[in-house]
């Protein structure tokens, strides 16, 4: 059974073949009691995901509602930008093109939607 970079290379080389042929060519086949072949699709797809960097054993896929938790912290990037992620903008129902005024306080940065009243003092 191929794993890692060998598995990825074989899948790429085979190109557009059937799923059964792909699983068989990568060696994910076992023998049944009656002498027939059993294709191990689950083992193949798990190895393929692991080869692509997705670790299923630790639940690290972070897909759907079981994904990462919001930390409510941000880090200044190497280019000086401060990024507010998509999860936060979705929580606030923001859309591309929404504009904000930037208010700098002594210990805070506030974003006020353009046209909204700024009723807090820093």
PDB file of N, CA and C in Angstrom:
ATOM      1  N   UNK A   1       0.845  -1.179   0.000  1.00  0.00           N
ATOM      2  CA  UNK A   1       0.000   0.000   0.000  1.00  0.00           C
ATOM      3  C   UNK A   1       0.891   1.243   0.000  1.00  0.00           C
ATOM      4  N   UNK A   2       0.639   2.123  -0.924  1.00  0.00           N
ATOM      5  CA  UNK A   2       1.417   3.351  -1.019  1.00  0.00           C
ATOM      6  C   UNK A   2       0.941   4.352   0.036  1.00  0.00           C
ATOM      7  N   UNK A   3       1.867   5.158   0.524  1.00  0.00           N
ATOM      8  CA  UNK A   3       1.545   6.213   1.482  1.00  0.00           C
ATOM      9  C   UNK A   3       2.371   7.452   1.151  1.00  0.00           C
ATOM     10  N   UNK A   4       2.019   8.552   1.771  1.00  0.00           N
ATOM     11  CA  UNK A   4       2.787   9.787   1.674  1.00  0.00           C
ATOM     12  C   UNK A   4       2.957  10.289   0.243  1.00  0.00           C
ATOM     13  N   UNK A   5       4.193  10.748  -0.039  1.00  0.00           N
ATOM     14  CA  UNK A   5       4.499  11.333  -1.343  1.00  0.00           C
ATOM     15  C   UNK A   5       4.335  10.315  -2.468  1.00  0.00           C
ATOM     16  N   UNK A   6       4.631   9.042  -2.194  1.00  0.00           N
ATOM     17  CA  UNK A   6       4.464   8.005  -3.217  1.00  0.00           C
ATOM     18  C   UNK A   6       2.993   7.874  -3.622  1.00  0.00           C
ATOM     19  N   UNK A   7       2.104   7.919  -2.638  1.00  0.00           N
ATOM     20  CA  UNK A   7       0.669   7.826  -2.911  1.00  0.00           C
ATOM     21  C   UNK A   7       0.196   9.015  -3.736  1.00  0.00           C
ATOM     22  N   UNK A   8       0.611  10.209  -3.341  1.00  0.00           N
ATOM     23  CA  UNK A   8       0.215  11.414  -4.082  1.00  0.00           C
ATOM     24  C   UNK A   8       0.715  11.366  -5.519  1.00  0.00           C
ATOM     25  N   UNK A   9       1.963  10.921  -5.705  1.00  0.00           N
ATOM     26  CA  UNK A   9       2.533  10.841  -7.049  1.00  0.00           C
ATOM     27  C   UNK A   9       1.769   9.833  -7.910  1.00  0.00           C
ATOM     28  N   UNK A  10       1.435   8.688  -7.342  1.00  0.00           N
ATOM     29  CA  UNK A  10       0.708   7.653  -8.090  1.00  0.00           C
ATOM     30  C   UNK A  10      -0.679   8.144  -8.500  1.00  0.00           C
ATOM     31  N   UNK A  11      -1.377   8.805  -7.575  1.00  0.00           N
ATOM     32  CA  UNK A  11      -2.705   9.342  -7.880  1.00  0.00           C
ATOM     33  C   UNK A  11      -2.612  10.360  -9.012  1.00  0.00           C
ATOM     34  N   UNK A  12      -1.590  11.196  -8.962  1.00  0.00           N
ATOM     35  CA  UNK A  12      -1.406  12.203 -10.006  1.00  0.00           C
ATOM     36  C   UNK A  12      -1.074  11.542 -11.343  1.00  0.00           C
ATOM     37  N   UNK A  13      -0.211  10.521 -11.315  1.00  0.00           N
ATOM     38  CA  UNK A  13       0.173   9.826 -12.547  1.00  0.00           C
ATOM     39  C   UNK A  13      -1.009   9.119 -13.200  1.00  0.00           C
ATOM     40  N   UNK A  14      -1.872   8.522 -12.390  1.00  0.00           N
ATOM     41  CA  UNK A  14      -3.002   7.763 -12.937  1.00  0.00           C
ATOM     42  C   UNK A  14      -4.045   8.664 -13.581  1.00  0.00           C
ATOM     43  N   UNK A  15      -4.146   9.878 -13.080  1.00  0.00           N
ATOM     44  CA  UNK A  15      -5.064  10.837 -13.683  1.00  0.00           C
ATOM     45  C   UNK A  15      -6.522  10.454 -13.537  1.00  0.00           C
ATOM     46  N   UNK A  16      -7.225  10.415 -14.663  1.00  0.00           N
ATOM     47  CA  UNK A  16      -8.680  10.226 -14.669  1.00  0.00           C
ATOM     48  C   UNK A  16      -9.042   8.753 -14.871  1.00  0.00           C
ATOM     49  N   UNK A  17      -8.882   7.955 -13.801  1.00  0.00           N
ATOM     50  CA  UNK A  17      -9.288   6.549 -13.838  1.00  0.00           C
ATOM     51  C   UNK A  17     -10.423   6.362 -12.831  1.00  0.00           C
ATOM     52  N   UNK A  18     -11.063   5.221 -12.864  1.00  0.00           N
ATOM     53  CA  UNK A  18     -12.157   4.976 -11.924  1.00  0.00           C
ATOM     54  C   UNK A  18     -11.616   4.887 -10.503  1.00  0.00           C
ATOM     55  N   UNK A  19     -12.478   5.111  -9.543  1.00  0.00           N
ATOM     56  CA  UNK A  19     -12.065   5.040  -8.141  1.00  0.00           C
ATOM     57  C   UNK A  19     -11.569   3.643  -7.787  1.00  0.00           C
ATOM     58  N   UNK A  20     -12.236   2.638  -8.290  1.00  0.00           N
ATOM     59  CA  UNK A  20     -11.832   1.260  -8.016  1.00  0.00           C
ATOM     60  C   UNK A  20     -10.432   0.984  -8.557  1.00  0.00           C
ATOM     61  N   UNK A  21     -10.163   1.422  -9.787  1.00  0.00           N
ATOM     62  CA  UNK A  21      -8.840   1.216 -10.377  1.00  0.00           C
ATOM     63  C   UNK A  21      -7.771   1.980  -9.609  1.00  0.00           C
ATOM     64  N   UNK A  22      -8.123   3.153  -9.142  1.00  0.00           N
ATOM     65  CA  UNK A  22      -7.186   3.973  -8.376  1.00  0.00           C
ATOM     66  C   UNK A  22      -6.820   3.290  -7.058  1.00  0.00           C
ATOM     67  N   UNK A  23      -7.815   2.800  -6.348  1.00  0.00           N
ATOM     68  CA  UNK A  23      -7.582   2.120  -5.068  1.00  0.00           C
ATOM     69  C   UNK A  23      -6.749   0.854  -5.294  1.00  0.00           C
ATOM     70  N   UNK A  24      -7.082   0.099  -6.324  1.00  0.00           N
ATOM     71  CA  UNK A  24      -6.369  -1.137  -6.638  1.00  0.00           C
ATOM     72  C   UNK A  24      -4.910  -0.838  -7.011  1.00  0.00           C
ATOM     73  N   UNK A  25      -4.676   0.167  -7.863  1.00  0.00           N
ATOM     74  CA  UNK A  25      -3.322   0.499  -8.323  1.00  0.00           C
ATOM     75  C   UNK A  25      -2.431   0.986  -7.192  1.00  0.00           C
ATOM     76  N   UNK A  26      -3.022   1.570  -6.159  1.00  0.00           N
ATOM     77  CA  UNK A  26      -2.240   2.071  -5.029  1.00  0.00           C
ATOM     78  C   UNK A  26      -2.031   0.995  -3.965  1.00  0.00           C
ATOM     79  N   UNK A  27      -2.592  -0.198  -4.192  1.00  0.00           N
ATOM     80  CA  UNK A  27      -2.320  -1.327  -3.310  1.00  0.00           C
ATOM     81  C   UNK A  27      -3.284  -1.500  -2.149  1.00  0.00           C
ATOM     82  N   UNK A  28      -4.398  -0.838  -2.171  1.00  0.00           N
ATOM     83  CA  UNK A  28      -5.361  -0.937  -1.064  1.00  0.00           C
ATOM     84  C   UNK A  28      -6.387  -2.036  -1.365  1.00  0.00           C
ATOM     85  N   UNK A  29      -5.854  -3.281  -1.453  1.00  0.00           N
ATOM     86  CA  UNK A  29      -6.649  -4.455  -1.783  1.00  0.00           C
ATOM     87  C   UNK A  29      -6.316  -5.543  -0.773  1.00  0.00           C
ATOM     88  N   UNK A  30      -7.338  -6.244  -0.317  1.00  0.00           N
ATOM     89  CA  UNK A  30      -7.127  -7.410   0.550  1.00  0.00           C
ATOM     90  C   UNK A  30      -7.925  -8.565  -0.025  1.00  0.00           C
ATOM     91  N   UNK A  31      -7.611  -9.770   0.424  1.00  0.00           N
ATOM     92  CA  UNK A  31      -8.291 -10.964  -0.091  1.00  0.00           C
ATOM     93  C   UNK A  31      -9.439 -11.358   0.819  1.00  0.00           C
ATOM     94  N   UNK A  32     -10.557 -11.700   0.187  1.00  0.00           N
ATOM     95  CA  UNK A  32     -11.705 -12.218   0.933  1.00  0.00           C
ATOM     96  C   UNK A  32     -11.534 -13.724   1.110  1.00  0.00           C
ATOM     97  N   UNK A  33     -12.329 -14.304   1.990  1.00  0.00           N
ATOM     98  CA  UNK A  33     -12.265 -15.745   2.247  1.00  0.00           C
ATOM     99  C   UNK A  33     -12.539 -16.563   0.995  1.00  0.00           C
ATOM    100  N   UNK A  34     -13.389 -16.048   0.134  1.00  0.00           N
ATOM    101  CA  UNK A  34     -13.733 -16.792  -1.081  1.00  0.00           C
ATOM    102  C   UNK A  34     -12.701 -16.605  -2.202  1.00  0.00           C
ATOM    103  N   UNK A  35     -11.618 -15.873  -1.911  1.00  0.00           N
ATOM    104  CA  UNK A  35     -10.555 -15.684  -2.894  1.00  0.00           C
ATOM    105  C   UNK A  35     -10.686 -14.412  -3.705  1.00  0.00           C
ATOM    106  N   UNK A  36     -11.787 -13.717  -3.567  1.00  0.00           N
ATOM    107  CA  UNK A  36     -11.980 -12.468  -4.300  1.00  0.00           C
ATOM    108  C   UNK A  36     -11.208 -11.318  -3.663  1.00  0.00           C
ATOM    109  N   UNK A  37     -11.196 -10.210  -4.345  1.00  0.00           N
ATOM    110  CA  UNK A  37     -10.515  -9.012  -3.842  1.00  0.00           C
ATOM    111  C   UNK A  37     -11.498  -8.085  -3.157  1.00  0.00           C
ATOM    112  N   UNK A  38     -11.052  -7.474  -2.073  1.00  0.00           N
ATOM    113  CA  UNK A  38     -11.822  -6.448  -1.378  1.00  0.00           C
ATOM    114  C   UNK A  38     -11.041  -5.144  -1.510  1.00  0.00           C
ATOM    115  N   UNK A  39     -11.674  -4.131  -2.055  1.00  0.00           N
ATOM    116  CA  UNK A  39     -11.037  -2.820  -2.174  1.00  0.00           C
ATOM    117  C   UNK A  39     -11.253  -2.050  -0.877  1.00  0.00           C
ATOM    118  N   UNK A  40     -10.164  -1.577  -0.290  1.00  0.00           N
ATOM    119  CA  UNK A  40     -10.214  -0.872   1.001  1.00  0.00           C
ATOM    120  C   UNK A  40     -10.264   0.637   0.763  1.00  0.00           C
ATOM    121  N   UNK A  41     -11.445   1.119   0.379  1.00  0.00           N
ATOM    122  CA  UNK A  41     -11.620   2.540   0.080  1.00  0.00           C
ATOM    123  C   UNK A  41     -11.328   3.421   1.290  1.00  0.00           C
ATOM    124  N   UNK A  42     -11.814   3.028   2.447  1.00  0.00           N
ATOM    125  CA  UNK A  42     -11.628   3.861   3.644  1.00  0.00           C
ATOM    126  C   UNK A  42     -10.154   4.031   3.960  1.00  0.00           C
ATOM    127  N   UNK A  43      -9.411   2.935   3.955  1.00  0.00           N
ATOM    128  CA  UNK A  43      -7.978   3.018   4.238  1.00  0.00           C
ATOM    129  C   UNK A  43      -7.271   3.874   3.191  1.00  0.00           C
ATOM    130  N   UNK A  44      -7.685   3.746   1.931  1.00  0.00           N
ATOM    131  CA  UNK A  44      -7.090   4.544   0.863  1.00  0.00           C
ATOM    132  C   UNK A  44      -7.328   6.031   1.084  1.00  0.00           C
ATOM    133  N   UNK A  45      -8.585   6.405   1.348  1.00  0.00           N
ATOM    134  CA  UNK A  45      -8.895   7.826   1.520  1.00  0.00           C
ATOM    135  C   UNK A  45      -8.261   8.399   2.790  1.00  0.00           C
ATOM    136  N   UNK A  46      -8.166   7.596   3.844  1.00  0.00           N
ATOM    137  CA  UNK A  46      -7.484   8.071   5.054  1.00  0.00           C
ATOM    138  C   UNK A  46      -6.004   8.319   4.764  1.00  0.00           C
ATOM    139  N   UNK A  47      -5.364   7.410   4.023  1.00  0.00           N
ATOM    140  CA  UNK A  47      -3.952   7.587   3.671  1.00  0.00           C
ATOM    141  C   UNK A  47      -3.772   8.794   2.755  1.00  0.00           C
ATOM    142  N   UNK A  48      -4.716   8.998   1.850  1.00  0.00           N
ATOM    143  CA  UNK A  48      -4.644  10.136   0.939  1.00  0.00           C
ATOM    144  C   UNK A  48      -4.768  11.454   1.705  1.00  0.00           C
ATOM    145  N   UNK A  49      -5.703  11.507   2.641  1.00  0.00           N
ATOM    146  CA  UNK A  49      -5.851  12.724   3.453  1.00  0.00           C
ATOM    147  C   UNK A  49      -4.610  12.975   4.294  1.00  0.00           C
ATOM    148  N   UNK A  50      -4.065  11.932   4.882  1.00  0.00           N
ATOM    149  CA  UNK A  50      -2.857  12.101   5.694  1.00  0.00           C
ATOM    150  C   UNK A  50      -1.686  12.563   4.835  1.00  0.00           C
ATOM    151  N   UNK A  51      -1.583  12.037   3.614  1.00  0.00           N
ATOM    152  CA  UNK A  51      -0.516  12.452   2.702  1.00  0.00           C
ATOM    153  C   UNK A  51      -0.649  13.929   2.338  1.00  0.00           C
ATOM    154  N   UNK A  52      -1.884  14.427   2.352  1.00  0.00           N
ATOM    155  CA  UNK A  52      -2.123  15.841   2.050  1.00  0.00           C
ATOM    156  C   UNK A  52      -2.022  16.728   3.292  1.00  0.00           C
ATOM    157  N   UNK A  53      -1.716  16.125   4.444  1.00  0.00           N
ATOM    158  CA  UNK A  53      -1.501  16.919   5.645  1.00  0.00           C
ATOM    159  C   UNK A  53      -2.672  16.992   6.593  1.00  0.00           C
ATOM    160  N   UNK A  54      -3.733  16.225   6.346  1.00  0.00           N
ATOM    161  CA  UNK A  54      -4.885  16.215   7.237  1.00  0.00           C
ATOM    162  C   UNK A  54      -4.743  15.027   8.173  1.00  0.00           C
ATOM    163  N   UNK A  55      -4.631  15.298   9.475  1.00  0.00           N
ATOM    164  CA  UNK A  55      -4.442  14.235  10.455  1.00  0.00           C
ATOM    165  C   UNK A  55      -5.782  13.909  11.092  1.00  0.00           C
ATOM    166  N   UNK A  56      -6.352  12.766  10.724  1.00  0.00           N
ATOM    167  CA  UNK A  56      -7.661  12.382  11.247  1.00  0.00           C
ATOM    168  C   UNK A  56      -7.590  11.842  12.668  1.00  0.00           C
ATOM    169  N   UNK A  57      -6.463  11.294  13.065  1.00  0.00           N
ATOM    170  CA  UNK A  57      -6.340  10.670  14.390  1.00  0.00           C
ATOM    171  C   UNK A  57      -6.558  11.667  15.516  1.00  0.00           C
ATOM    172  N   UNK A  58      -6.082  12.884  15.349  1.00  0.00           N
ATOM    173  CA  UNK A  58      -6.238  13.878  16.410  1.00  0.00           C
ATOM    174  C   UNK A  58      -7.454  14.759  16.194  1.00  0.00           C
ATOM    175  N   UNK A  59      -8.240  14.444  15.179  1.00  0.00           N
ATOM    176  CA  UNK A  59      -9.416  15.263  14.888  1.00  0.00           C
ATOM    177  C   UNK A  59      -9.026  16.626  14.362  1.00  0.00           C
ATOM    178  N   UNK A  60      -7.866  16.746  13.725  1.00  0.00           N
ATOM    179  CA  UNK A  60      -7.328  18.023  13.295  1.00  0.00           C
ATOM    180  C   UNK A  60      -7.887  18.555  12.000  1.00  0.00           C
ATOM    181  N   UNK A  61      -8.896  17.924  11.465  1.00  0.00           N
ATOM    182  CA  UNK A  61      -9.424  18.377  10.192  1.00  0.00           C
ATOM    183  C   UNK A  61     -10.078  19.751  10.320  1.00  0.00           C
ATOM    184  N   UNK A  62     -10.666  20.065  11.459  1.00  0.00           N
ATOM    185  CA  UNK A  62     -11.277  21.370  11.732  1.00  0.00           C
ATOM    186  C   UNK A  62     -12.277  21.759  10.652  1.00  0.00           C
ATOM    187  N   UNK A  63     -13.178  20.845  10.348  1.00  0.00           N
ATOM    188  CA  UNK A  63     -14.176  21.087   9.311  1.00  0.00           C
ATOM    189  C   UNK A  63     -15.536  21.263   9.972  1.00  0.00           C
ATOM    190  N   UNK A  64     -16.308  22.215   9.480  1.00  0.00           N
ATOM    191  CA  UNK A  64     -17.669  22.403   9.965  1.00  0.00           C
ATOM    192  C   UNK A  64     -17.729  22.997  11.353  1.00  0.00           C
ATOM    193  N   UNK A  65     -18.763  22.635  12.094  1.00  0.00           N
ATOM    194  CA  UNK A  65     -18.998  23.227  13.403  1.00  0.00           C
ATOM    195  C   UNK A  65     -17.984  22.784  14.446  1.00  0.00           C
ATOM    196  N   UNK A  66     -17.240  21.717  14.188  1.00  0.00           N
ATOM    197  CA  UNK A  66     -16.240  21.244  15.138  1.00  0.00           C
ATOM    198  C   UNK A  66     -14.884  21.868  14.915  1.00  0.00           C
ATOM    199  N   UNK A  67     -14.821  22.945  14.135  1.00  0.00           N
ATOM    200  CA  UNK A  67     -13.542  23.566  13.779  1.00  0.00           C
ATOM    201  C   UNK A  67     -12.926  24.349  14.915  1.00  0.00           C
ATOM    202  N   UNK A  68     -11.992  25.201  14.552  1.00  0.00           N
ATOM    203  CA  UNK A  68     -11.281  26.001  15.533  1.00  0.00           C
ATOM    204  C   UNK A  68     -12.228  26.934  16.268  1.00  0.00           C
ATOM    205  N   UNK A  69     -11.894  27.220  17.491  1.00  0.00           N
ATOM    206  CA  UNK A  69     -12.652  28.176  18.291  1.00  0.00           C
ATOM    207  C   UNK A  69     -12.057  29.564  18.073  1.00  0.00           C
ATOM    208  N   UNK A  70     -12.890  30.577  18.121  1.00  0.00           N
ATOM    209  CA  UNK A  70     -12.406  31.947  17.972  1.00  0.00           C
ATOM    210  C   UNK A  70     -11.627  32.342  19.208  1.00  0.00           C
ATOM    211  N   UNK A  71     -10.477  32.966  18.999  1.00  0.00           N
ATOM    212  CA  UNK A  71      -9.627  33.343  20.131  1.00  0.00           C
ATOM    213  C   UNK A  71      -9.887  34.774  20.590  1.00  0.00           C
ATOM    214  N   UNK A  72     -10.526  35.579  19.746  1.00  0.00           N
ATOM    215  CA  UNK A  72     -10.767  36.999  20.026  1.00  0.00           C
ATOM    216  C   UNK A  72      -9.469  37.749  20.274  1.00  0.00           C
ATOM    217  N   UNK A  73      -8.406  37.310  19.610  1.00  0.00           N
ATOM    218  CA  UNK A  73      -7.145  38.043  19.610  1.00  0.00           C
ATOM    219  C   UNK A  73      -6.699  38.176  18.166  1.00  0.00           C
ATOM    220  N   UNK A  74      -5.914  39.191  17.896  1.00  0.00           N
ATOM    221  CA  UNK A  74      -5.365  39.400  16.560  1.00  0.00           C
ATOM    222  C   UNK A  74      -3.894  39.733  16.712  1.00  0.00           C
ATOM    223  N   UNK A  75      -3.123  39.392  15.705  1.00  0.00           N
ATOM    224  CA  UNK A  75      -1.690  39.632  15.725  1.00  0.00           C
ATOM    225  C   UNK A  75      -1.328  40.505  14.536  1.00  0.00           C
ATOM    226  N   UNK A  76      -0.472  41.479  14.764  1.00  0.00           N
ATOM    227  CA  UNK A  76       0.007  42.316  13.671  1.00  0.00           C
ATOM    228  C   UNK A  76       0.906  41.449  12.794  1.00  0.00           C
ATOM    229  N   UNK A  77       0.622  41.437  11.504  1.00  0.00           N
ATOM    230  CA  UNK A  77       1.383  40.629  10.569  1.00  0.00           C
ATOM    231  C   UNK A  77       2.715  41.283  10.242  1.00  0.00           C
ATOM    232  N   UNK A  78       3.592  40.540   9.588  1.00  0.00           N
ATOM    233  CA  UNK A  78       4.925  41.036   9.249  1.00  0.00           C
ATOM    234  C   UNK A  78       4.913  42.278   8.388  1.00  0.00           C
ATOM    235  N   UNK A  79       3.853  42.459   7.589  1.00  0.00           N
ATOM    236  CA  UNK A  79       3.769  43.645   6.737  1.00  0.00           C
ATOM    237  C   UNK A  79       3.094  44.822   7.444  1.00  0.00           C
ATOM    238  N   UNK A  80       2.763  44.648   8.728  1.00  0.00           N
ATOM    239  CA  UNK A  80       2.152  45.720   9.498  1.00  0.00           C
ATOM    240  C   UNK A  80       0.633  45.713   9.503  1.00  0.00           C
ATOM    241  N   UNK A  81       0.035  44.837   8.751  1.00  0.00           N
ATOM    242  CA  UNK A  81      -1.431  44.774   8.703  1.00  0.00           C
ATOM    243  C   UNK A  81      -1.988  44.055   9.926  1.00  0.00           C
ATOM    244  N   UNK A  82      -3.159  44.468  10.313  1.00  0.00           N
ATOM    245  CA  UNK A  82      -3.892  43.811  11.390  1.00  0.00           C
ATOM    246  C   UNK A  82      -5.115  43.181  10.742  1.00  0.00           C
ATOM    247  N   UNK A  83      -5.194  41.852  10.783  1.00  0.00           N
ATOM    248  CA  UNK A  83      -6.235  41.127  10.073  1.00  0.00           C
ATOM    249  C   UNK A  83      -7.368  40.755  11.015  1.00  0.00           C
ATOM    250  N   UNK A  84      -8.598  41.062  10.577  1.00  0.00           N
ATOM    251  CA  UNK A  84      -9.797  40.605  11.276  1.00  0.00           C
ATOM    252  C   UNK A  84     -10.386  39.527  10.387  1.00  0.00           C
ATOM    253  N   UNK A  85     -10.474  38.304  10.893  1.00  0.00           N
ATOM    254  CA  UNK A  85     -10.860  37.164  10.073  1.00  0.00           C
ATOM    255  C   UNK A  85     -12.314  37.122   9.661  1.00  0.00           C
ATOM    256  N   UNK A  86     -12.586  36.222   8.725  1.00  0.00           N
ATOM    257  CA  UNK A  86     -13.914  36.057   8.147  1.00  0.00           C
ATOM    258  C   UNK A  86     -14.953  35.664   9.197  1.00  0.00           C
ATOM    259  N   UNK A  87     -14.556  34.863  10.170  1.00  0.00           N
ATOM    260  CA  UNK A  87     -15.512  34.430  11.192  1.00  0.00           C
ATOM    261  C   UNK A  87     -16.066  35.633  11.957  1.00  0.00           C
ATOM    262  N   UNK A  88     -15.217  36.610  12.230  1.00  0.00           N
ATOM    263  CA  UNK A  88     -15.660  37.797  12.969  1.00  0.00           C
ATOM    264  C   UNK A  88     -16.552  38.685  12.105  1.00  0.00           C
ATOM    265  N   UNK A  89     -16.174  38.868  10.838  1.00  0.00           N
ATOM    266  CA  UNK A  89     -17.005  39.703   9.974  1.00  0.00           C
ATOM    267  C   UNK A  89     -18.352  39.034   9.708  1.00  0.00           C
ATOM    268  N   UNK A  90     -18.375  37.711   9.664  1.00  0.00           N
ATOM    269  CA  UNK A  90     -19.645  36.996   9.482  1.00  0.00           C
ATOM    270  C   UNK A  90     -20.533  37.164  10.708  1.00  0.00           C
ATOM    271  N   UNK A  91     -19.937  37.138  11.897  1.00  0.00           N
ATOM    272  CA  UNK A  91     -20.723  37.322  13.130  1.00  0.00           C
ATOM    273  C   UNK A  91     -21.403  38.679  13.149  1.00  0.00           C
ATOM    274  N   UNK A  92     -20.759  39.676  12.546  1.00  0.00           N
ATOM    275  CA  UNK A  92     -21.299  41.032  12.520  1.00  0.00           C
ATOM    276  C   UNK A  92     -22.102  41.303  11.253  1.00  0.00           C
ATOM    277  N   UNK A  93     -22.263  40.293  10.405  1.00  0.00           N
ATOM    278  CA  UNK A  93     -23.007  40.407   9.159  1.00  0.00           C
ATOM    279  C   UNK A  93     -22.451  41.517   8.271  1.00  0.00           C
ATOM    280  N   UNK A  94     -21.118  41.574   8.161  1.00  0.00           N
ATOM    281  CA  UNK A  94     -20.458  42.572   7.323  1.00  0.00           C
ATOM    282  C   UNK A  94     -20.312  42.036   5.912  1.00  0.00           C
ATOM    283  N   UNK A  95     -20.277  42.939   4.957  1.00  0.00           N
ATOM    284  CA  UNK A  95     -20.167  42.577   3.548  1.00  0.00           C
ATOM    285  C   UNK A  95     -18.959  43.265   2.939  1.00  0.00           C
ATOM    286  N   UNK A  96     -18.428  42.703   1.845  1.00  0.00           N
ATOM    287  CA  UNK A  96     -17.340  43.391   1.153  1.00  0.00           C
ATOM    288  C   UNK A  96     -17.764  44.798   0.767  1.00  0.00           C
ATOM    289  N   UNK A  97     -16.900  45.753   1.013  1.00  0.00           N
ATOM    290  CA  UNK A  97     -17.204  47.145   0.696  1.00  0.00           C
ATOM    291  C   UNK A  97     -17.726  47.957   1.868  1.00  0.00           C
ATOM    292  N   UNK A  98     -18.104  47.303   2.977  1.00  0.00           N
ATOM    293  CA  UNK A  98     -18.533  48.062   4.159  1.00  0.00           C
ATOM    294  C   UNK A  98     -17.366  48.935   4.622  1.00  0.00           C
ATOM    295  N   UNK A  99     -17.675  50.168   5.008  1.00  0.00           N
ATOM    296  CA  UNK A  99     -16.635  51.116   5.403  1.00  0.00           C
ATOM    297  C   UNK A  99     -16.735  51.458   6.879  1.00  0.00           C
ATOM    298  N   UNK A 100     -15.571  51.735   7.475  1.00  0.00           N
ATOM    299  CA  UNK A 100     -15.485  52.048   8.897  1.00  0.00           C
ATOM    300  C   UNK A 100     -14.556  53.230   9.111  1.00  0.00           C
ATOM    301  N   UNK A 101     -14.876  54.019  10.122  1.00  0.00           N
ATOM    302  CA  UNK A 101     -13.945  55.029  10.600  1.00  0.00           C
ATOM    303  C   UNK A 101     -13.077  54.352  11.657  1.00  0.00           C
ATOM    304  N   UNK A 102     -11.804  54.684  11.666  1.00  0.00           N
ATOM    305  CA  UNK A 102     -10.883  54.121  12.654  1.00  0.00           C
ATOM    306  C   UNK A 102     -10.672  55.166  13.735  1.00  0.00           C
ATOM    307  N   UNK A 103     -10.990  54.815  14.969  1.00  0.00           N
ATOM    308  CA  UNK A 103     -10.791  55.700  16.117  1.00  0.00           C
ATOM    309  C   UNK A 103      -9.695  55.100  16.992  1.00  0.00           C
ATOM    310  N   UNK A 104      -8.635  55.855  17.198  1.00  0.00           N
ATOM    311  CA  UNK A 104      -7.539  55.403  18.040  1.00  0.00           C
ATOM    312  C   UNK A 104      -7.695  55.979  19.434  1.00  0.00           C
ATOM    313  N   UNK A 105      -7.777  55.119  20.421  1.00  0.00           N
ATOM    314  CA  UNK A 105      -7.830  55.531  21.813  1.00  0.00           C
ATOM    315  C   UNK A 105      -6.468  55.312  22.451  1.00  0.00           C
ATOM    316  N   UNK A 106      -6.386  55.504  23.758  1.00  0.00           N
ATOM    317  CA  UNK A 106      -5.117  55.312  24.457  1.00  0.00           C
ATOM    318  C   UNK A 106      -4.693  53.849  24.447  1.00  0.00           C
ATOM    319  N   UNK A 107      -5.644  52.936  24.574  1.00  0.00           N
ATOM    320  CA  UNK A 107      -5.317  51.516  24.634  1.00  0.00           C
ATOM    321  C   UNK A 107      -6.231  50.677  23.755  1.00  0.00           C
ATOM    322  N   UNK A 108      -6.835  51.280  22.749  1.00  0.00           N
ATOM    323  CA  UNK A 108      -7.786  50.534  21.936  1.00  0.00           C
ATOM    324  C   UNK A 108      -7.885  51.122  20.535  1.00  0.00           C
ATOM    325  N   UNK A 109      -8.282  50.286  19.623  1.00  0.00           N
ATOM    326  CA  UNK A 109      -8.637  50.701  18.269  1.00  0.00           C
ATOM    327  C   UNK A 109     -10.112  50.375  18.105  1.00  0.00           C
ATOM    328  N   UNK A 110     -10.883  51.355  17.674  1.00  0.00           N
ATOM    329  CA  UNK A 110     -12.320  51.123  17.487  1.00  0.00           C
ATOM    330  C   UNK A 110     -12.660  51.327  16.028  1.00  0.00           C
ATOM    331  N   UNK A 111     -13.515  50.481  15.526  1.00  0.00           N
ATOM    332  CA  UNK A 111     -14.015  50.604  14.164  1.00  0.00           C
ATOM    333  C   UNK A 111     -15.479  50.981  14.241  1.00  0.00           C
ATOM    334  N   UNK A 112     -15.812  52.129  13.681  1.00  0.00           N
ATOM    335  CA  UNK A 112     -17.187  52.616  13.708  1.00  0.00           C
ATOM    336  C   UNK A 112     -17.705  52.636  12.275  1.00  0.00           C
ATOM    337  N   UNK A 113     -18.820  51.955  12.008  1.00  0.00           N
ATOM    338  CA  UNK A 113     -19.360  51.970  10.644  1.00  0.00           C
ATOM    339  C   UNK A 113     -19.610  53.408  10.184  1.00  0.00           C
ATOM    340  N   UNK A 114     -19.249  53.709   8.940  1.00  0.00           N
ATOM    341  CA  UNK A 114     -19.449  55.046   8.400  1.00  0.00           C
ATOM    342  C   UNK A 114     -20.938  55.359   8.451  1.00  0.00           C
ATOM    343  N   UNK A 115     -21.279  56.516   9.022  1.00  0.00           N
ATOM    344  CA  UNK A 115     -22.659  56.942   9.153  1.00  0.00           C
ATOM    345  C   UNK A 115     -23.272  56.609  10.492  1.00  0.00           C
ATOM    346  N   UNK A 116     -22.595  55.784  11.298  1.00  0.00           N
ATOM    347  CA  UNK A 116     -23.112  55.435  12.623  1.00  0.00           C
ATOM    348  C   UNK A 116     -22.639  56.482  13.631  1.00  0.00           C
ATOM    349  N   UNK A 117     -23.378  56.618  14.714  1.00  0.00           N
ATOM    350  CA  UNK A 117     -23.011  57.543  15.770  1.00  0.00           C
ATOM    351  C   UNK A 117     -21.933  56.921  16.662  1.00  0.00           C
ATOM    352  N   UNK A 118     -20.907  57.723  16.985  1.00  0.00           N
ATOM    353  CA  UNK A 118     -19.859  57.288  17.914  1.00  0.00           C
ATOM    354  C   UNK A 118     -20.201  57.893  19.266  1.00  0.00           C
ATOM    355  N   UNK A 119     -20.790  57.104  20.143  1.00  0.00           N
ATOM    356  CA  UNK A 119     -21.259  57.635  21.423  1.00  0.00           C
ATOM    357  C   UNK A 119     -20.347  57.292  22.593  1.00  0.00           C
ATOM    358  N   UNK A 120     -19.221  56.662  22.364  1.00  0.00           N
ATOM    359  CA  UNK A 120     -18.304  56.309  23.462  1.00  0.00           C
ATOM    360  C   UNK A 120     -17.063  57.165  23.372  1.00  0.00           C
ATOM    361  N   UNK A 121     -16.574  57.560  24.510  1.00  0.00           N
ATOM    362  CA  UNK A 121     -15.348  58.364  24.598  1.00  0.00           C
ATOM    363  C   UNK A 121     -14.215  57.502  25.111  1.00  0.00           C
ATOM    364  N   UNK A 122     -13.014  57.678  24.582  1.00  0.00           N
ATOM    365  CA  UNK A 122     -11.831  56.941  25.052  1.00  0.00           C
ATOM    366  C   UNK A 122     -10.994  57.788  25.960  1.00  0.00           C
TER     367      UNK A 122
END
